[in-house]
Amino acid sequence: MSRLLWLLPVLAGGGLPIWAQSAPPSGSISSQEEFFDIYAEHPRLFLGSQRLRLLRRERERRTMRWLQFETLVTGGAPMPEPGFAYALFYQVSGDVVIGQKAVDWALSPRAADLRQLALVFDWCQPLLDDRDREALAARLRARADELEKDSSLPARRSRVLAMAALAGHNSFRPNRFFENLVKQWWRGQIAPALKAGRDAIPRDDSFPLLEILHVVRDNLQIDLREDVPFWFKELPIYHLLSYYPASYPAAENEYRIPALKRLGEPDTRRALFSRAAELAMVAFETNAPETQVLQGWLMHDRFLLRGALGIPYEFLWANPYQPGLSYYHIPLVHHDPKFGRLFVRSSWEEDAVWLGYWDGQLQTFQDGSPANLKLDASQPPLSFPDVLVATAGLAARCEIRLEEDQDLLIVGLKPHTRYEFEVENLELFEMKSDAGGIVHLKLPRNKSLDVRAREAAAGQS
């Protein structure tokens, strides 16, 4: 399976793929004592001095992202997230009129989105008089209390933003909140689950997670990636390979559509926040090879988020000056044994055939549409440049022929179970399936083989 090796020595320096290496992400502070108080001046959410300089330079240069953002905001286009959009525009441009629109929205009865309320409170401090500041702070605290029992990641993200924004206001100290976030939620629940191969952070929660990562690192100097470095090294490549190949043309821009178990019309909102997550990944770690490949994937103008919902995210997180590497040279197969998922493409072109196996479901995409496949013997093997994929039902007994660069992957077996494999002209051997019931076999190539698989007598181990 030659393409399963990392093909760019410049990325990994030879040897194992970069995401398979065990070195922790840069910026490690694990040897330092951790503190959970926040004393930084506003703005402290996402707009550090370096990013703010970049965004203001984008405005001065009249780049296409700024021009699109400016056209929508100053042209009176309805902004789906007005607090976020107007407050960001104010921070970059200094336009008090637009900034006041953000404040007015935040103080209006209809403003209930805690995330946006926190951004307005943090980014529009110079526009708040004492009365408005107290009113907005009270609304933030009340809304945060309402979400306290909501365990979803978006709700937790919003509370993180609110606590960081309120830190220091009337001597408010959310240090206990952040200590619990880091030690009990992240290190006590999420990191152990990820280490055990449980999908504690679904793909669709990538963006709220990235916002939490940014807030915690920017304000507490704690890099949460250190607790599960392998997961974060895999994340960019997982994102890339789990898109359907064909782009989706919408009125505002083209979208790449993430694979979805339940088939239906493309969800452009989901696609938008998938891209926002990837932009935030690159912003968080600009030097890692896997995020440089992701940057190469992101910097195509036809996918630039141009709509009223997407352009604030695009403008905030994109860095067109960041070098990117071509994704055309990365492997076409992503097999993650720890989480038991597999994604395969025939090429990086938009007319490629794609296969995905995750959560026990097998799906393909070809000729412009996805289809769910059965895992029984009625499903013939699926051939790709690097792999031949067979189902568990077929593998009970099948005849296959592997081409020069192909390995055999069998999907749909029982997870974490030992199987016996009988292949003609080879001795009987055992292999253990991964967390999703996948087995990866290297067998003789360029010849027809009769393959039989059965659960080992010892049963599940």
Protein backbone atom coordinates (compact mmCIF):
# COMPACT_ATOMS: atom_id res chain seq x y z
CA MET A 1 0.00 0.00 0.00
CA SER A 2 2.61 2.53 -1.13
CA ARG A 3 0.36 5.57 -0.91
CA LEU A 4 -0.31 4.83 2.73
CA LEU A 5 3.23 6.01 3.44
CA TRP A 6 3.72 9.72 3.96
CA LEU A 7 4.77 10.97 0.54
CA LEU A 8 6.30 14.31 1.47
CA PRO A 9 9.63 14.01 3.31
CA VAL A 10 9.57 17.77 3.81
CA LEU A 11 6.54 17.27 6.05
CA ALA A 12 7.69 14.47 8.28
CA GLY A 13 11.43 14.33 7.73
CA GLY A 14 11.02 10.72 6.58
CA GLY A 15 9.81 7.78 8.59
CA LEU A 16 6.36 7.64 10.11
CA PRO A 17 3.55 10.00 9.09
CA ILE A 18 3.72 13.14 11.19
CA TRP A 19 0.39 12.41 12.91
CA ALA A 20 1.69 8.98 13.99
CA GLN A 21 4.66 10.45 15.81
CA SER A 22 4.38 10.88 19.56
CA ALA A 23 5.94 14.31 20.06
CA PRO A 24 3.54 16.70 21.86
CA PRO A 25 2.33 19.87 20.15
CA SER A 26 4.54 22.92 20.38
CA GLY A 27 4.12 25.35 23.24
CA SER A 28 4.03 22.71 25.97
CA ILE A 29 3.81 24.11 29.49
CA SER A 30 3.14 20.83 31.29
CA SER A 31 6.15 21.39 33.54
CA GLN A 32 4.88 24.78 34.70
CA GLU A 33 2.43 25.49 37.48
CA GLU A 34 -1.05 26.27 36.21
CA PHE A 35 -3.04 29.32 37.22
CA PHE A 36 -6.71 29.90 36.45
CA ASP A 37 -7.16 33.62 36.98
CA ILE A 38 -7.65 35.96 34.02
CA TYR A 39 -6.23 39.47 34.22
CA ALA A 40 -5.76 40.40 30.57
CA GLU A 41 -7.28 43.59 29.22
CA HIS A 42 -10.17 43.48 26.76
CA PRO A 43 -10.37 42.21 24.08
CA ARG A 44 -9.35 38.81 25.36
CA LEU A 45 -11.51 36.53 23.19
CA PHE A 46 -9.74 35.49 19.96
CA LEU A 47 -8.45 39.00 19.20
CA GLY A 48 -4.94 38.86 20.53
CA SER A 49 -2.60 41.63 19.45
CA GLN A 50 -1.10 39.61 16.60
CA ARG A 51 -4.45 38.59 15.10
CA LEU A 52 -5.86 42.08 15.50
CA ARG A 53 -2.89 43.51 13.63
CA LEU A 54 -3.45 41.00 10.86
CA LEU A 55 -7.14 41.87 10.56
CA ARG A 56 -6.48 45.61 10.54
CA ARG A 57 -3.86 45.08 7.86
CA GLU A 58 -6.48 43.19 5.85
CA ARG A 59 -8.69 46.27 6.09
CA GLU A 60 -5.90 48.61 5.03
CA ARG A 61 -5.08 46.44 2.04
CA ARG A 62 -8.74 46.19 1.04
CA THR A 63 -8.51 42.42 0.64
CA MET A 64 -11.43 40.47 -0.75
CA ARG A 65 -12.38 39.06 2.66
CA TRP A 66 -12.52 42.52 4.18
CA LEU A 67 -14.36 44.00 1.21
CA GLN A 68 -17.01 41.28 1.36
CA PHE A 69 -17.41 41.76 5.11
CA GLU A 70 -17.56 45.55 4.76
CA THR A 71 -20.05 45.42 1.89
CA LEU A 72 -22.51 43.31 3.86
CA VAL A 73 -22.19 45.22 7.14
CA THR A 74 -22.25 48.78 5.80
CA GLY A 75 -24.78 47.87 3.11
CA GLY A 76 -27.35 46.94 5.73
CA ALA A 77 -27.55 43.23 4.89
CA PRO A 78 -29.32 41.26 7.64
CA MET A 79 -26.59 39.55 9.66
CA PRO A 80 -27.67 36.21 11.17
CA GLU A 81 -25.27 36.78 14.09
CA PRO A 82 -25.39 40.58 14.49
CA GLY A 83 -23.60 40.78 17.82
CA PHE A 84 -20.61 38.82 16.53
CA ALA A 85 -20.49 40.53 13.12
CA TYR A 86 -20.92 44.15 14.27
CA ALA A 87 -18.58 43.81 17.25
CA LEU A 88 -15.86 42.29 15.05
CA PHE A 89 -16.30 45.05 12.47
CA TYR A 90 -16.00 47.66 15.22
CA GLN A 91 -12.78 46.14 16.61
CA VAL A 92 -11.14 46.13 13.20
CA SER A 93 -12.45 49.42 11.79
CA GLY A 94 -13.09 51.52 14.89
CA ASP A 95 -16.51 52.41 13.43
CA VAL A 96 -18.47 53.51 16.51
CA VAL A 97 -21.81 53.50 14.69
CA ILE A 98 -21.45 49.83 13.79
CA GLY A 99 -20.11 49.02 17.25
CA GLN A 100 -23.16 50.64 18.81
CA LYS A 101 -25.35 48.37 16.70
CA ALA A 102 -23.67 45.43 18.39
CA VAL A 103 -24.31 46.93 21.81
CA ASP A 104 -27.93 47.73 20.96
CA TRP A 105 -28.47 44.16 19.83
CA ALA A 106 -26.92 42.75 23.00
CA LEU A 107 -29.14 44.92 25.21
CA SER A 108 -32.31 44.15 23.26
CA PRO A 109 -34.86 41.62 24.57
CA ARG A 110 -34.28 39.31 21.59
CA ALA A 111 -30.57 38.75 22.37
CA ALA A 112 -30.28 35.28 23.91
CA ASP A 113 -27.14 33.82 22.29
CA LEU A 114 -24.62 33.71 25.14
CA ARG A 115 -21.67 33.33 22.81
CA GLN A 116 -22.50 36.56 20.96
CA LEU A 117 -23.31 38.39 24.20
CA ALA A 118 -19.87 37.49 25.51
CA LEU A 119 -18.17 38.73 22.34
CA VAL A 120 -20.02 42.06 22.47
CA PHE A 121 -19.16 42.49 26.16
CA ASP A 122 -15.50 41.76 25.47
CA TRP A 123 -15.03 43.56 22.16
CA CYS A 124 -17.22 46.64 22.75
CA GLN A 125 -16.06 47.68 26.22
CA PRO A 126 -15.15 51.25 25.11
CA LEU A 127 -18.75 51.77 23.96
CA LEU A 128 -20.41 50.63 27.20
CA ASP A 129 -21.32 53.16 29.86
CA ASP A 130 -21.60 51.97 33.45
CA ARG A 131 -25.33 51.27 33.24
CA ASP A 132 -25.11 49.30 30.00
CA ARG A 133 -22.06 47.42 31.23
CA GLU A 134 -23.88 46.30 34.36
CA ALA A 135 -26.99 45.36 32.40
CA LEU A 136 -25.03 43.30 29.90
CA ALA A 137 -22.96 41.65 32.63
CA ALA A 138 -26.13 40.69 34.47
CA ARG A 139 -27.55 39.19 31.27
CA LEU A 140 -24.35 37.21 30.72
CA ARG A 141 -24.43 35.78 34.24
CA ALA A 142 -28.12 34.91 34.02
CA ARG A 143 -27.80 33.22 30.65
CA ALA A 144 -24.69 31.33 31.78
CA ASP A 145 -26.63 30.05 34.80
CA GLU A 146 -29.43 28.88 32.51
CA LEU A 147 -26.94 26.83 30.47
CA GLU A 148 -25.14 25.35 33.48
CA LYS A 149 -26.90 21.98 33.15
CA ASP A 150 -26.58 21.85 29.37
CA SER A 151 -23.72 19.42 28.79
CA SER A 152 -23.49 19.97 25.02
CA LEU A 153 -20.19 21.27 23.73
CA PRO A 154 -21.69 24.41 22.12
CA ALA A 155 -23.29 25.35 25.44
CA ARG A 156 -20.05 24.69 27.33
CA ARG A 157 -18.16 26.78 24.77
CA SER A 158 -20.57 29.69 25.28
CA ARG A 159 -20.12 29.55 29.05
CA VAL A 160 -16.34 29.53 28.60
CA LEU A 161 -16.55 32.71 26.51
CA ALA A 162 -18.88 34.34 29.02
CA MET A 163 -16.70 33.53 32.04
CA ALA A 164 -13.58 34.79 30.29
CA ALA A 165 -15.31 38.00 29.22
CA LEU A 166 -16.66 38.67 32.73
CA ALA A 167 -13.38 37.99 34.55
CA GLY A 168 -12.42 40.99 36.65
CA HIS A 169 -15.78 42.72 36.29
CA ASN A 170 -16.81 43.83 39.79
CA SER A 171 -14.02 41.58 41.13
CA PHE A 172 -15.61 38.51 39.55
CA ARG A 173 -13.13 35.59 39.54
CA PRO A 174 -14.11 32.56 37.43
CA ASN A 175 -10.95 30.69 38.40
CA ARG A 176 -12.91 27.81 39.93
CA PHE A 177 -14.93 27.49 36.71
CA PHE A 178 -11.77 27.24 34.58
CA GLU A 179 -10.06 24.89 36.99
CA ASN A 180 -13.06 22.56 36.79
CA LEU A 181 -13.11 22.93 33.01
CA VAL A 182 -9.50 21.88 32.65
CA LYS A 183 -9.15 19.31 35.41
CA GLN A 184 -12.58 17.74 35.73
CA TRP A 185 -14.22 18.08 32.31
CA TRP A 186 -11.24 17.93 29.95
CA ARG A 187 -8.68 15.83 31.85
CA GLY A 188 -11.22 13.90 33.89
CA GLN A 189 -13.76 13.07 31.16
CA ILE A 190 -12.89 14.01 27.59
CA ALA A 191 -9.18 13.18 27.38
CA PRO A 192 -9.58 9.73 29.02
CA ALA A 193 -12.49 8.95 26.68
CA LEU A 194 -10.44 9.88 23.62
CA LYS A 195 -7.51 7.81 24.86
CA ALA A 196 -9.88 4.86 25.21
CA GLY A 197 -11.11 5.25 21.64
CA ARG A 198 -14.53 6.74 22.46
CA ASP A 199 -15.69 9.48 20.12
CA ALA A 200 -16.21 12.07 22.86
CA ILE A 201 -15.87 14.98 20.41
CA PRO A 202 -18.02 14.34 17.32
CA ARG A 203 -16.82 15.93 14.09
CA ASP A 204 -19.64 18.48 14.18
CA ASP A 205 -18.38 19.75 17.56
CA SER A 206 -14.93 20.60 16.22
CA PHE A 207 -15.60 24.33 16.00
CA PRO A 208 -16.88 24.89 19.57
CA LEU A 209 -13.95 22.80 20.78
CA LEU A 210 -11.49 24.98 18.86
CA GLU A 211 -13.01 28.11 20.37
CA ILE A 212 -12.51 26.64 23.84
CA LEU A 213 -8.90 25.78 22.99
CA HIS A 214 -8.20 29.33 21.85
CA VAL A 215 -9.75 30.95 24.93
CA VAL A 216 -7.96 28.64 27.38
CA ARG A 217 -4.55 29.00 25.74
CA ASP A 218 -4.83 32.75 25.14
CA ASN A 219 -5.91 33.54 28.70
CA LEU A 220 -4.52 30.74 30.88
CA GLN A 221 -1.50 29.68 28.79
CA ILE A 222 -2.71 26.07 28.97
CA ASP A 223 -2.67 24.00 25.80
CA LEU A 224 -5.33 21.32 26.17
CA ARG A 225 -3.92 19.38 23.21
CA GLU A 226 -1.07 18.15 25.38
CA ASP A 227 -3.35 15.62 27.06
CA VAL A 228 -4.25 13.84 23.79
CA PRO A 229 -1.65 14.86 21.18
CA PHE A 230 -2.37 11.87 18.92
CA TRP A 231 -6.02 12.92 18.54
CA PHE A 232 -5.16 16.47 17.50
CA LYS A 233 -2.53 15.26 15.04
CA GLU A 234 -5.18 13.09 13.36
CA LEU A 235 -7.92 15.74 13.39
CA PRO A 236 -6.93 17.77 10.28
CA ILE A 237 -6.46 14.67 8.13
CA TYR A 238 -9.69 13.16 9.44
CA HIS A 239 -11.48 16.34 8.38
CA LEU A 240 -9.96 16.26 4.90
CA LEU A 241 -10.76 12.62 4.14
CA SER A 242 -14.29 12.68 5.58
CA TYR A 243 -15.57 15.17 2.99
CA TYR A 244 -17.46 13.95 -0.04
CA PRO A 245 -15.33 14.60 -3.16
CA ALA A 246 -17.77 16.78 -5.10
CA SER A 247 -18.21 20.41 -4.09
CA TYR A 248 -21.69 21.87 -3.68
CA PRO A 249 -22.49 25.15 -5.47
CA ALA A 250 -24.65 27.44 -3.34
CA ALA A 251 -25.77 30.99 -4.06
CA GLU A 252 -23.03 32.63 -1.96
CA ASN A 253 -20.08 30.28 -2.58
CA GLU A 254 -19.16 26.64 -3.10
CA TYR A 255 -19.07 24.27 -0.15
CA ARG A 256 -17.30 21.06 0.66
CA ILE A 257 -19.84 18.74 2.27
CA PRO A 258 -18.84 16.58 5.26
CA ALA A 259 -20.04 12.98 5.15
CA LEU A 260 -23.32 12.39 6.97
CA LYS A 261 -24.73 9.04 8.09
CA ARG A 262 -28.31 10.04 7.41
CA LEU A 263 -28.60 10.77 3.69
CA GLY A 264 -30.37 13.92 2.56
CA GLU A 265 -29.88 17.34 1.05
CA PRO A 266 -26.46 18.94 1.67
CA ASP A 267 -26.41 20.97 4.88
CA THR A 268 -24.53 24.17 4.03
CA ARG A 269 -24.63 25.43 7.62
CA ARG A 270 -22.88 22.28 8.77
CA ALA A 271 -20.36 22.69 5.94
CA LEU A 272 -19.80 26.32 6.94
CA PHE A 273 -18.88 25.48 10.53
CA SER A 274 -16.71 22.60 9.37
CA ARG A 275 -14.66 25.10 7.38
CA ALA A 276 -14.65 27.54 10.31
CA ALA A 277 -13.24 24.77 12.51
CA GLU A 278 -10.45 24.13 10.03
CA LEU A 279 -9.58 27.82 9.78
CA ALA A 280 -9.41 27.92 13.59
CA MET A 281 -7.20 24.79 13.61
CA VAL A 282 -4.68 26.49 11.36
CA ALA A 283 -4.81 29.65 13.45
CA PHE A 284 -4.13 27.61 16.59
CA GLU A 285 -1.10 25.77 15.20
CA THR A 286 0.46 27.32 12.12
CA ASN A 287 3.70 25.32 12.00
CA ALA A 288 2.55 21.70 12.18
CA PRO A 289 2.79 19.87 8.84
CA GLU A 290 -0.75 18.52 9.09
CA THR A 291 -2.22 22.01 9.52
CA GLN A 292 -0.04 23.34 6.70
CA VAL A 293 -1.67 20.71 4.48
CA LEU A 294 -5.04 21.85 5.82
CA GLN A 295 -4.11 25.43 4.92
CA GLY A 296 -3.44 24.29 1.36
CA TRP A 297 -6.93 22.80 1.33
CA LEU A 298 -8.56 25.98 2.67
CA MET A 299 -6.97 28.64 0.48
CA HIS A 300 -9.12 28.21 -2.63
CA ASP A 301 -11.13 31.36 -3.30
CA ARG A 302 -14.21 29.58 -4.56
CA PHE A 303 -14.77 28.11 -1.08
CA LEU A 304 -14.36 31.46 0.70
CA LEU A 305 -17.41 32.01 2.90
CA ARG A 306 -19.12 35.01 1.34
CA GLY A 307 -22.57 34.90 2.92
CA ALA A 308 -23.78 37.00 5.85
CA LEU A 309 -23.41 34.10 8.28
CA GLY A 310 -20.04 32.87 7.06
CA ILE A 311 -18.04 36.00 6.24
CA PRO A 312 -17.37 37.06 9.87
CA TYR A 313 -15.88 33.61 10.56
CA GLU A 314 -13.91 33.66 7.32
CA PHE A 315 -12.53 37.12 8.02
CA LEU A 316 -11.72 36.42 11.68
CA TRP A 317 -9.89 33.12 11.25
CA ALA A 318 -8.43 32.97 7.73
CA ASN A 319 -4.81 33.94 7.16
CA PRO A 320 -4.08 34.10 3.41
CA TYR A 321 -0.43 34.89 4.15
CA GLN A 322 0.14 31.58 5.95
CA PRO A 323 2.04 29.11 3.72
CA GLY A 324 0.19 25.95 2.82
CA LEU A 325 1.22 22.56 1.46
CA SER A 326 -0.54 20.61 -1.27
CA TYR A 327 -2.99 18.01 -0.03
CA TYR A 328 -2.58 16.16 -3.34
CA HIS A 329 0.44 14.33 -1.92
CA ILE A 330 -1.12 13.01 1.28
CA PRO A 331 -2.45 9.43 1.43
CA LEU A 332 -5.83 8.64 -0.08
CA VAL A 333 -6.62 6.29 2.79
CA HIS A 334 -7.31 7.30 6.38
CA HIS A 335 -7.69 4.27 8.66
CA ASP A 336 -7.91 5.14 12.35
CA PRO A 337 -7.83 1.85 14.34
CA LYS A 338 -8.30 3.58 17.68
CA PHE A 339 -11.72 4.92 16.68
CA GLY A 340 -12.48 2.23 14.11
CA ARG A 341 -13.13 4.41 11.08
CA LEU A 342 -12.00 4.33 7.49
CA PHE A 343 -12.14 6.88 4.68
CA VAL A 344 -10.82 6.23 1.16
CA ARG A 345 -10.69 8.23 -2.06
CA SER A 346 -9.75 7.16 -5.57
CA SER A 347 -8.05 10.54 -6.17
CA TRP A 348 -8.13 14.14 -4.98
CA GLU A 349 -10.22 15.22 -7.96
CA GLU A 350 -13.86 16.17 -7.51
CA ASP A 351 -15.07 13.24 -9.61
CA ALA A 352 -13.31 10.76 -7.30
CA VAL A 353 -15.02 7.72 -5.84
CA TRP A 354 -15.14 7.90 -2.03
CA LEU A 355 -15.79 5.35 0.70
CA GLY A 356 -16.48 5.90 4.37
CA TYR A 357 -16.94 3.40 7.18
CA TRP A 358 -17.68 4.79 10.63
CA ASP A 359 -20.06 3.97 13.47
CA GLY A 360 -20.67 0.59 11.87
CA GLN A 361 -21.99 2.04 8.61
CA LEU A 362 -20.55 1.70 5.12
CA GLN A 363 -21.16 4.47 2.60
CA THR A 364 -19.87 5.42 -0.84
CA PHE A 365 -20.03 8.57 -2.94
CA GLN A 366 -19.85 8.45 -6.70
CA ASP A 367 -21.56 10.02 -9.69
CA GLY A 368 -22.57 13.01 -7.58
CA SER A 369 -24.40 11.33 -4.71
CA PRO A 370 -23.80 9.21 -1.58
CA ALA A 371 -25.28 5.77 -0.95
CA ASN A 372 -25.38 3.49 2.08
CA LEU A 373 -24.17 -0.06 1.45
CA LYS A 374 -24.96 -3.37 3.11
CA LEU A 375 -22.31 -5.22 5.06
CA ASP A 376 -23.43 -8.67 3.93
CA ALA A 377 -22.14 -11.00 1.23
CA SER A 378 -24.22 -9.27 -1.45
CA GLN A 379 -21.78 -6.34 -1.47
CA PRO A 380 -18.88 -7.01 -3.86
CA PRO A 381 -15.38 -5.80 -2.94
CA LEU A 382 -14.70 -2.12 -3.60
CA SER A 383 -11.42 -1.38 -5.32
CA PHE A 384 -9.31 1.77 -4.84
CA PRO A 385 -5.72 2.55 -5.87
CA ASP A 386 -4.33 1.59 -2.45
CA VAL A 387 -6.88 -0.79 -0.95
CA LEU A 388 -9.52 -3.36 -1.71
CA VAL A 389 -12.39 -3.09 0.79
CA ALA A 390 -14.50 -6.15 1.54
CA THR A 391 -17.40 -6.55 3.97
CA ALA A 392 -17.54 -8.98 6.86
CA GLY A 393 -20.32 -10.96 5.19
CA LEU A 394 -18.31 -11.37 2.02
CA ALA A 395 -15.12 -12.21 3.91
CA ALA A 396 -16.64 -15.41 5.30
CA ARG A 397 -15.48 -16.75 1.96
CA CYS A 398 -14.48 -14.73 -1.09
CA GLU A 399 -12.08 -14.70 -4.00
CA ILE A 400 -10.07 -11.53 -4.40
CA ARG A 401 -7.23 -10.20 -6.48
CA LEU A 402 -5.00 -7.46 -5.08
CA GLU A 403 -3.27 -5.15 -7.53
CA GLU A 404 0.36 -4.02 -7.23
CA ASP A 405 -0.16 -1.37 -4.51
CA GLN A 406 -3.26 -2.74 -2.78
CA ASP A 407 -3.87 -4.14 0.69
CA LEU A 408 -7.10 -5.78 1.84
CA LEU A 409 -9.32 -4.06 4.39
CA ILE A 410 -12.29 -5.94 5.81
CA VAL A 411 -15.01 -3.85 7.48
CA GLY A 412 -18.05 -4.79 9.55
CA LEU A 413 -16.45 -7.41 11.78
CA LYS A 414 -17.05 -7.50 15.52
CA PRO A 415 -14.95 -4.82 17.28
CA HIS A 416 -11.88 -5.87 19.27
CA THR A 417 -12.28 -9.52 18.27
CA ARG A 418 -9.71 -12.08 17.10
CA TYR A 419 -10.35 -13.68 13.72
CA GLU A 420 -8.72 -16.60 11.94
CA PHE A 421 -7.84 -16.09 8.28
CA GLU A 422 -7.32 -18.90 5.83
CA VAL A 423 -5.65 -17.86 2.59
CA GLU A 424 -4.54 -20.35 -0.02
CA ASN A 425 -0.82 -21.11 0.04
CA LEU A 426 -0.46 -19.35 3.39
CA GLU A 427 -0.48 -20.71 6.91
CA LEU A 428 -3.58 -20.06 9.02
CA PHE A 429 -3.12 -16.79 10.94
CA GLU A 430 -5.01 -14.61 13.39
CA MET A 431 -5.70 -10.88 13.40
CA LYS A 432 -7.61 -8.74 15.87
CA SER A 433 -10.18 -6.28 14.57
CA ASP A 434 -10.00 -2.67 15.65
CA ALA A 435 -12.54 -0.53 17.53
CA GLY A 436 -14.86 -0.42 14.53
CA GLY A 437 -14.47 -4.02 13.41
CA ILE A 438 -11.85 -3.36 10.71
CA VAL A 439 -8.94 -5.65 9.83
CA HIS A 440 -6.04 -4.59 7.62
CA LEU A 441 -4.38 -7.46 5.76
CA LYS A 442 -1.22 -7.47 3.66
CA LEU A 443 -1.52 -10.41 1.26
CA PRO A 444 0.23 -11.55 -1.94
CA ARG A 445 -0.55 -9.28 -4.90
CA ASN A 446 -1.21 -9.76 -8.59
CA LYS A 447 -2.82 -13.15 -8.11
CA SER A 448 -6.29 -14.47 -7.32
CA LEU A 449 -6.68 -15.57 -3.71
CA ASP A 450 -9.37 -17.52 -1.91
CA VAL A 451 -9.86 -15.85 1.49
CA ARG A 452 -11.89 -17.23 4.39
CA ALA A 453 -12.46 -15.48 7.72
CA ARG A 454 -14.05 -16.78 10.91
CA GLU A 455 -14.09 -15.71 14.52
CA ALA A 456 -11.30 -17.36 16.48
CA ALA A 457 -12.31 -20.11 18.85
CA ALA A 458 -11.22 -18.08 21.89
CA GLY A 459 -13.92 -15.54 21.01
CA GLN A 460 -13.81 -11.91 21.97
CA SER A 461 -10.69 -10.85 23.83
